[in-house]
Amino acid sequence: MTHKQEKTRVTVEIRNRSYTIVGNEDASHVKLVASLVDQKMREIHEMNPSLDTASLAVLTAINTMNDHLILKEEYATLLGSIKRERG
């Protein structure tokens, strides 16, 4: 029998709006993620002050996914290097 992990409910603020996030992560992790999203949205908004919230959210998602894919590629390259060194 598997034990179901209890869901965590955390209320965070992003761009002066409250969001309740439900998931399996610790509250501190969820708050960190929300803080980083808020920071990224503020950075993009500073460069593009005329963007509406929906456009700002989409640009934030695109920038974040781009960063994620770059890190994934770098990670895969690093793993490949380690495997070749170990022979």
C-alpha atoms as a PDB file:
ATOM      1  CA  MET A   1       0.000   0.000   0.000  1.00  0.00           C
ATOM      2  CA  THR A   2       1.413   3.384  -0.958  1.00  0.00           C
ATOM      3  CA  HIS A   3       1.114   6.372   1.316  1.00  0.00           C
ATOM      4  CA  LYS A   4      -0.221   9.470  -0.392  1.00  0.00           C
ATOM      5  CA  GLN A   5       1.743  12.585   0.428  1.00  0.00           C
ATOM      6  CA  GLU A   6      -0.476  15.297   1.814  1.00  0.00           C
ATOM      7  CA  LYS A   7      -0.931  18.283  -0.464  1.00  0.00           C
ATOM      8  CA  THR A   8       0.417  21.652   0.599  1.00  0.00           C
ATOM      9  CA  ARG A   9      -1.646  24.824   0.105  1.00  0.00           C
ATOM     10  CA  VAL A  10       0.409  27.997  -0.101  1.00  0.00           C
ATOM     11  CA  THR A  11      -0.791  31.491  -0.903  1.00  0.00           C
ATOM     12  CA  VAL A  12       1.785  33.559  -2.783  1.00  0.00           C
ATOM     13  CA  GLU A  13       1.810  37.000  -4.317  1.00  0.00           C
ATOM     14  CA  ILE A  14       2.908  37.625  -7.894  1.00  0.00           C
ATOM     15  CA  ARG A  15       2.598  41.092  -9.407  1.00  0.00           C
ATOM     16  CA  ASN A  16       0.406  42.219  -6.495  1.00  0.00           C
ATOM     17  CA  ARG A  17      -2.103  39.381  -6.962  1.00  0.00           C
ATOM     18  CA  SER A  18      -2.588  36.460  -4.601  1.00  0.00           C
ATOM     19  CA  TYR A  19      -2.513  32.907  -5.891  1.00  0.00           C
ATOM     20  CA  THR A  20      -3.133  29.718  -3.930  1.00  0.00           C
ATOM     21  CA  ILE A  21      -0.814  26.951  -5.058  1.00  0.00           C
ATOM     22  CA  VAL A  22      -1.647  23.339  -4.210  1.00  0.00           C
ATOM     23  CA  GLY A  23       1.027  20.690  -4.607  1.00  0.00           C
ATOM     24  CA  ASN A  24       3.462  18.271  -3.052  1.00  0.00           C
ATOM     25  CA  GLU A  25       6.341  20.713  -2.598  1.00  0.00           C
ATOM     26  CA  ASP A  26       7.308  22.351   0.696  1.00  0.00           C
ATOM     27  CA  ALA A  27       5.808  25.784   1.321  1.00  0.00           C
ATOM     28  CA  SER A  28       9.283  27.359   1.300  1.00  0.00           C
ATOM     29  CA  HIS A  29       9.975  25.901  -2.159  1.00  0.00           C
ATOM     30  CA  VAL A  30       6.664  27.167  -3.546  1.00  0.00           C
ATOM     31  CA  LYS A  31       7.341  30.626  -2.111  1.00  0.00           C
ATOM     32  CA  LEU A  32      10.815  30.650  -3.680  1.00  0.00           C
ATOM     33  CA  VAL A  33       9.427  29.681  -7.091  1.00  0.00           C
ATOM     34  CA  ALA A  34       6.732  32.363  -6.848  1.00  0.00           C
ATOM     35  CA  SER A  35       9.310  34.938  -5.839  1.00  0.00           C
ATOM     36  CA  LEU A  36      11.467  34.077  -8.853  1.00  0.00           C
ATOM     37  CA  VAL A  37       8.460  34.294 -11.188  1.00  0.00           C
ATOM     38  CA  ASP A  38       7.546  37.669  -9.693  1.00  0.00           C
ATOM     39  CA  GLN A  39      11.139  38.886 -10.105  1.00  0.00           C
ATOM     40  CA  LYS A  40      11.300  37.721 -13.745  1.00  0.00           C
ATOM     41  CA  MET A  41       7.959  39.377 -14.528  1.00  0.00           C
ATOM     42  CA  ARG A  42       9.159  42.641 -12.984  1.00  0.00           C
ATOM     43  CA  GLU A  43      12.387  42.517 -15.036  1.00  0.00           C
ATOM     44  CA  ILE A  44      10.489  41.958 -18.269  1.00  0.00           C
ATOM     45  CA  HIS A  45       7.940  44.639 -17.360  1.00  0.00           C
ATOM     46  CA  GLU A  46      10.739  47.167 -16.792  1.00  0.00           C
ATOM     47  CA  MET A  47      11.981  46.531 -20.344  1.00  0.00           C
ATOM     48  CA  ASN A  48       8.443  46.492 -21.805  1.00  0.00           C
ATOM     49  CA  PRO A  49       6.228  48.719 -19.606  1.00  0.00           C
ATOM     50  CA  SER A  50       3.328  48.763 -22.098  1.00  0.00           C
ATOM     51  CA  LEU A  51       2.705  44.990 -21.907  1.00  0.00           C
ATOM     52  CA  ASP A  52      -0.600  43.809 -20.487  1.00  0.00           C
ATOM     53  CA  THR A  53      -0.585  41.087 -17.828  1.00  0.00           C
ATOM     54  CA  ALA A  54      -1.340  38.238 -20.241  1.00  0.00           C
ATOM     55  CA  SER A  55       1.459  39.226 -22.629  1.00  0.00           C
ATOM     56  CA  LEU A  56       3.815  39.703 -19.703  1.00  0.00           C
ATOM     57  CA  ALA A  57       2.949  36.223 -18.392  1.00  0.00           C
ATOM     58  CA  VAL A  58       3.543  34.634 -21.807  1.00  0.00           C
ATOM     59  CA  LEU A  59       6.902  36.393 -22.244  1.00  0.00           C
ATOM     60  CA  THR A  60       7.887  35.305 -18.736  1.00  0.00           C
ATOM     61  CA  ALA A  61       6.965  31.696 -19.551  1.00  0.00           C
ATOM     62  CA  ILE A  62       8.924  31.812 -22.828  1.00  0.00           C
ATOM     63  CA  ASN A  63      12.000  33.299 -21.132  1.00  0.00           C
ATOM     64  CA  THR A  64      11.814  30.786 -18.299  1.00  0.00           C
ATOM     65  CA  MET A  65      11.380  27.804 -20.639  1.00  0.00           C
ATOM     66  CA  ASN A  66      14.293  29.034 -22.748  1.00  0.00           C
ATOM     67  CA  ASP A  67      16.489  29.198 -19.626  1.00  0.00           C
ATOM     68  CA  HIS A  68      15.285  25.720 -18.643  1.00  0.00           C
ATOM     69  CA  LEU A  69      16.142  24.208 -22.031  1.00  0.00           C
ATOM     70  CA  ILE A  70      19.593  25.797 -22.041  1.00  0.00           C
ATOM     71  CA  LEU A  71      20.297  24.364 -18.582  1.00  0.00           C
ATOM     72  CA  LYS A  72      18.995  20.935 -19.669  1.00  0.00           C
ATOM     73  CA  GLU A  73      21.339  20.946 -22.673  1.00  0.00           C
ATOM     74  CA  GLU A  74      24.281  22.020 -20.520  1.00  0.00           C
ATOM     75  CA  TYR A  75      23.417  19.317 -17.977  1.00  0.00           C
ATOM     76  CA  ALA A  76      23.241  16.628 -20.688  1.00  0.00           C
ATOM     77  CA  THR A  77      26.600  17.782 -22.084  1.00  0.00           C
ATOM     78  CA  LEU A  78      28.129  17.681 -18.610  1.00  0.00           C
ATOM     79  CA  LEU A  79      26.773  14.173 -17.966  1.00  0.00           C
ATOM     80  CA  GLY A  80      28.180  13.042 -21.313  1.00  0.00           C
ATOM     81  CA  SER A  81      31.595  14.443 -20.374  1.00  0.00           C
ATOM     82  CA  ILE A  82      31.546  12.690 -17.006  1.00  0.00           C
ATOM     83  CA  LYS A  83      30.579   9.349 -18.582  1.00  0.00           C
ATOM     84  CA  ARG A  84      33.391   9.650 -21.165  1.00  0.00           C
ATOM     85  CA  GLU A  85      35.937  10.441 -18.426  1.00  0.00           C
ATOM     86  CA  ARG A  86      34.886   7.427 -16.383  1.00  0.00           C
ATOM     87  CA  GLY A  87      35.184   5.308 -19.471  1.00  0.00           C
END
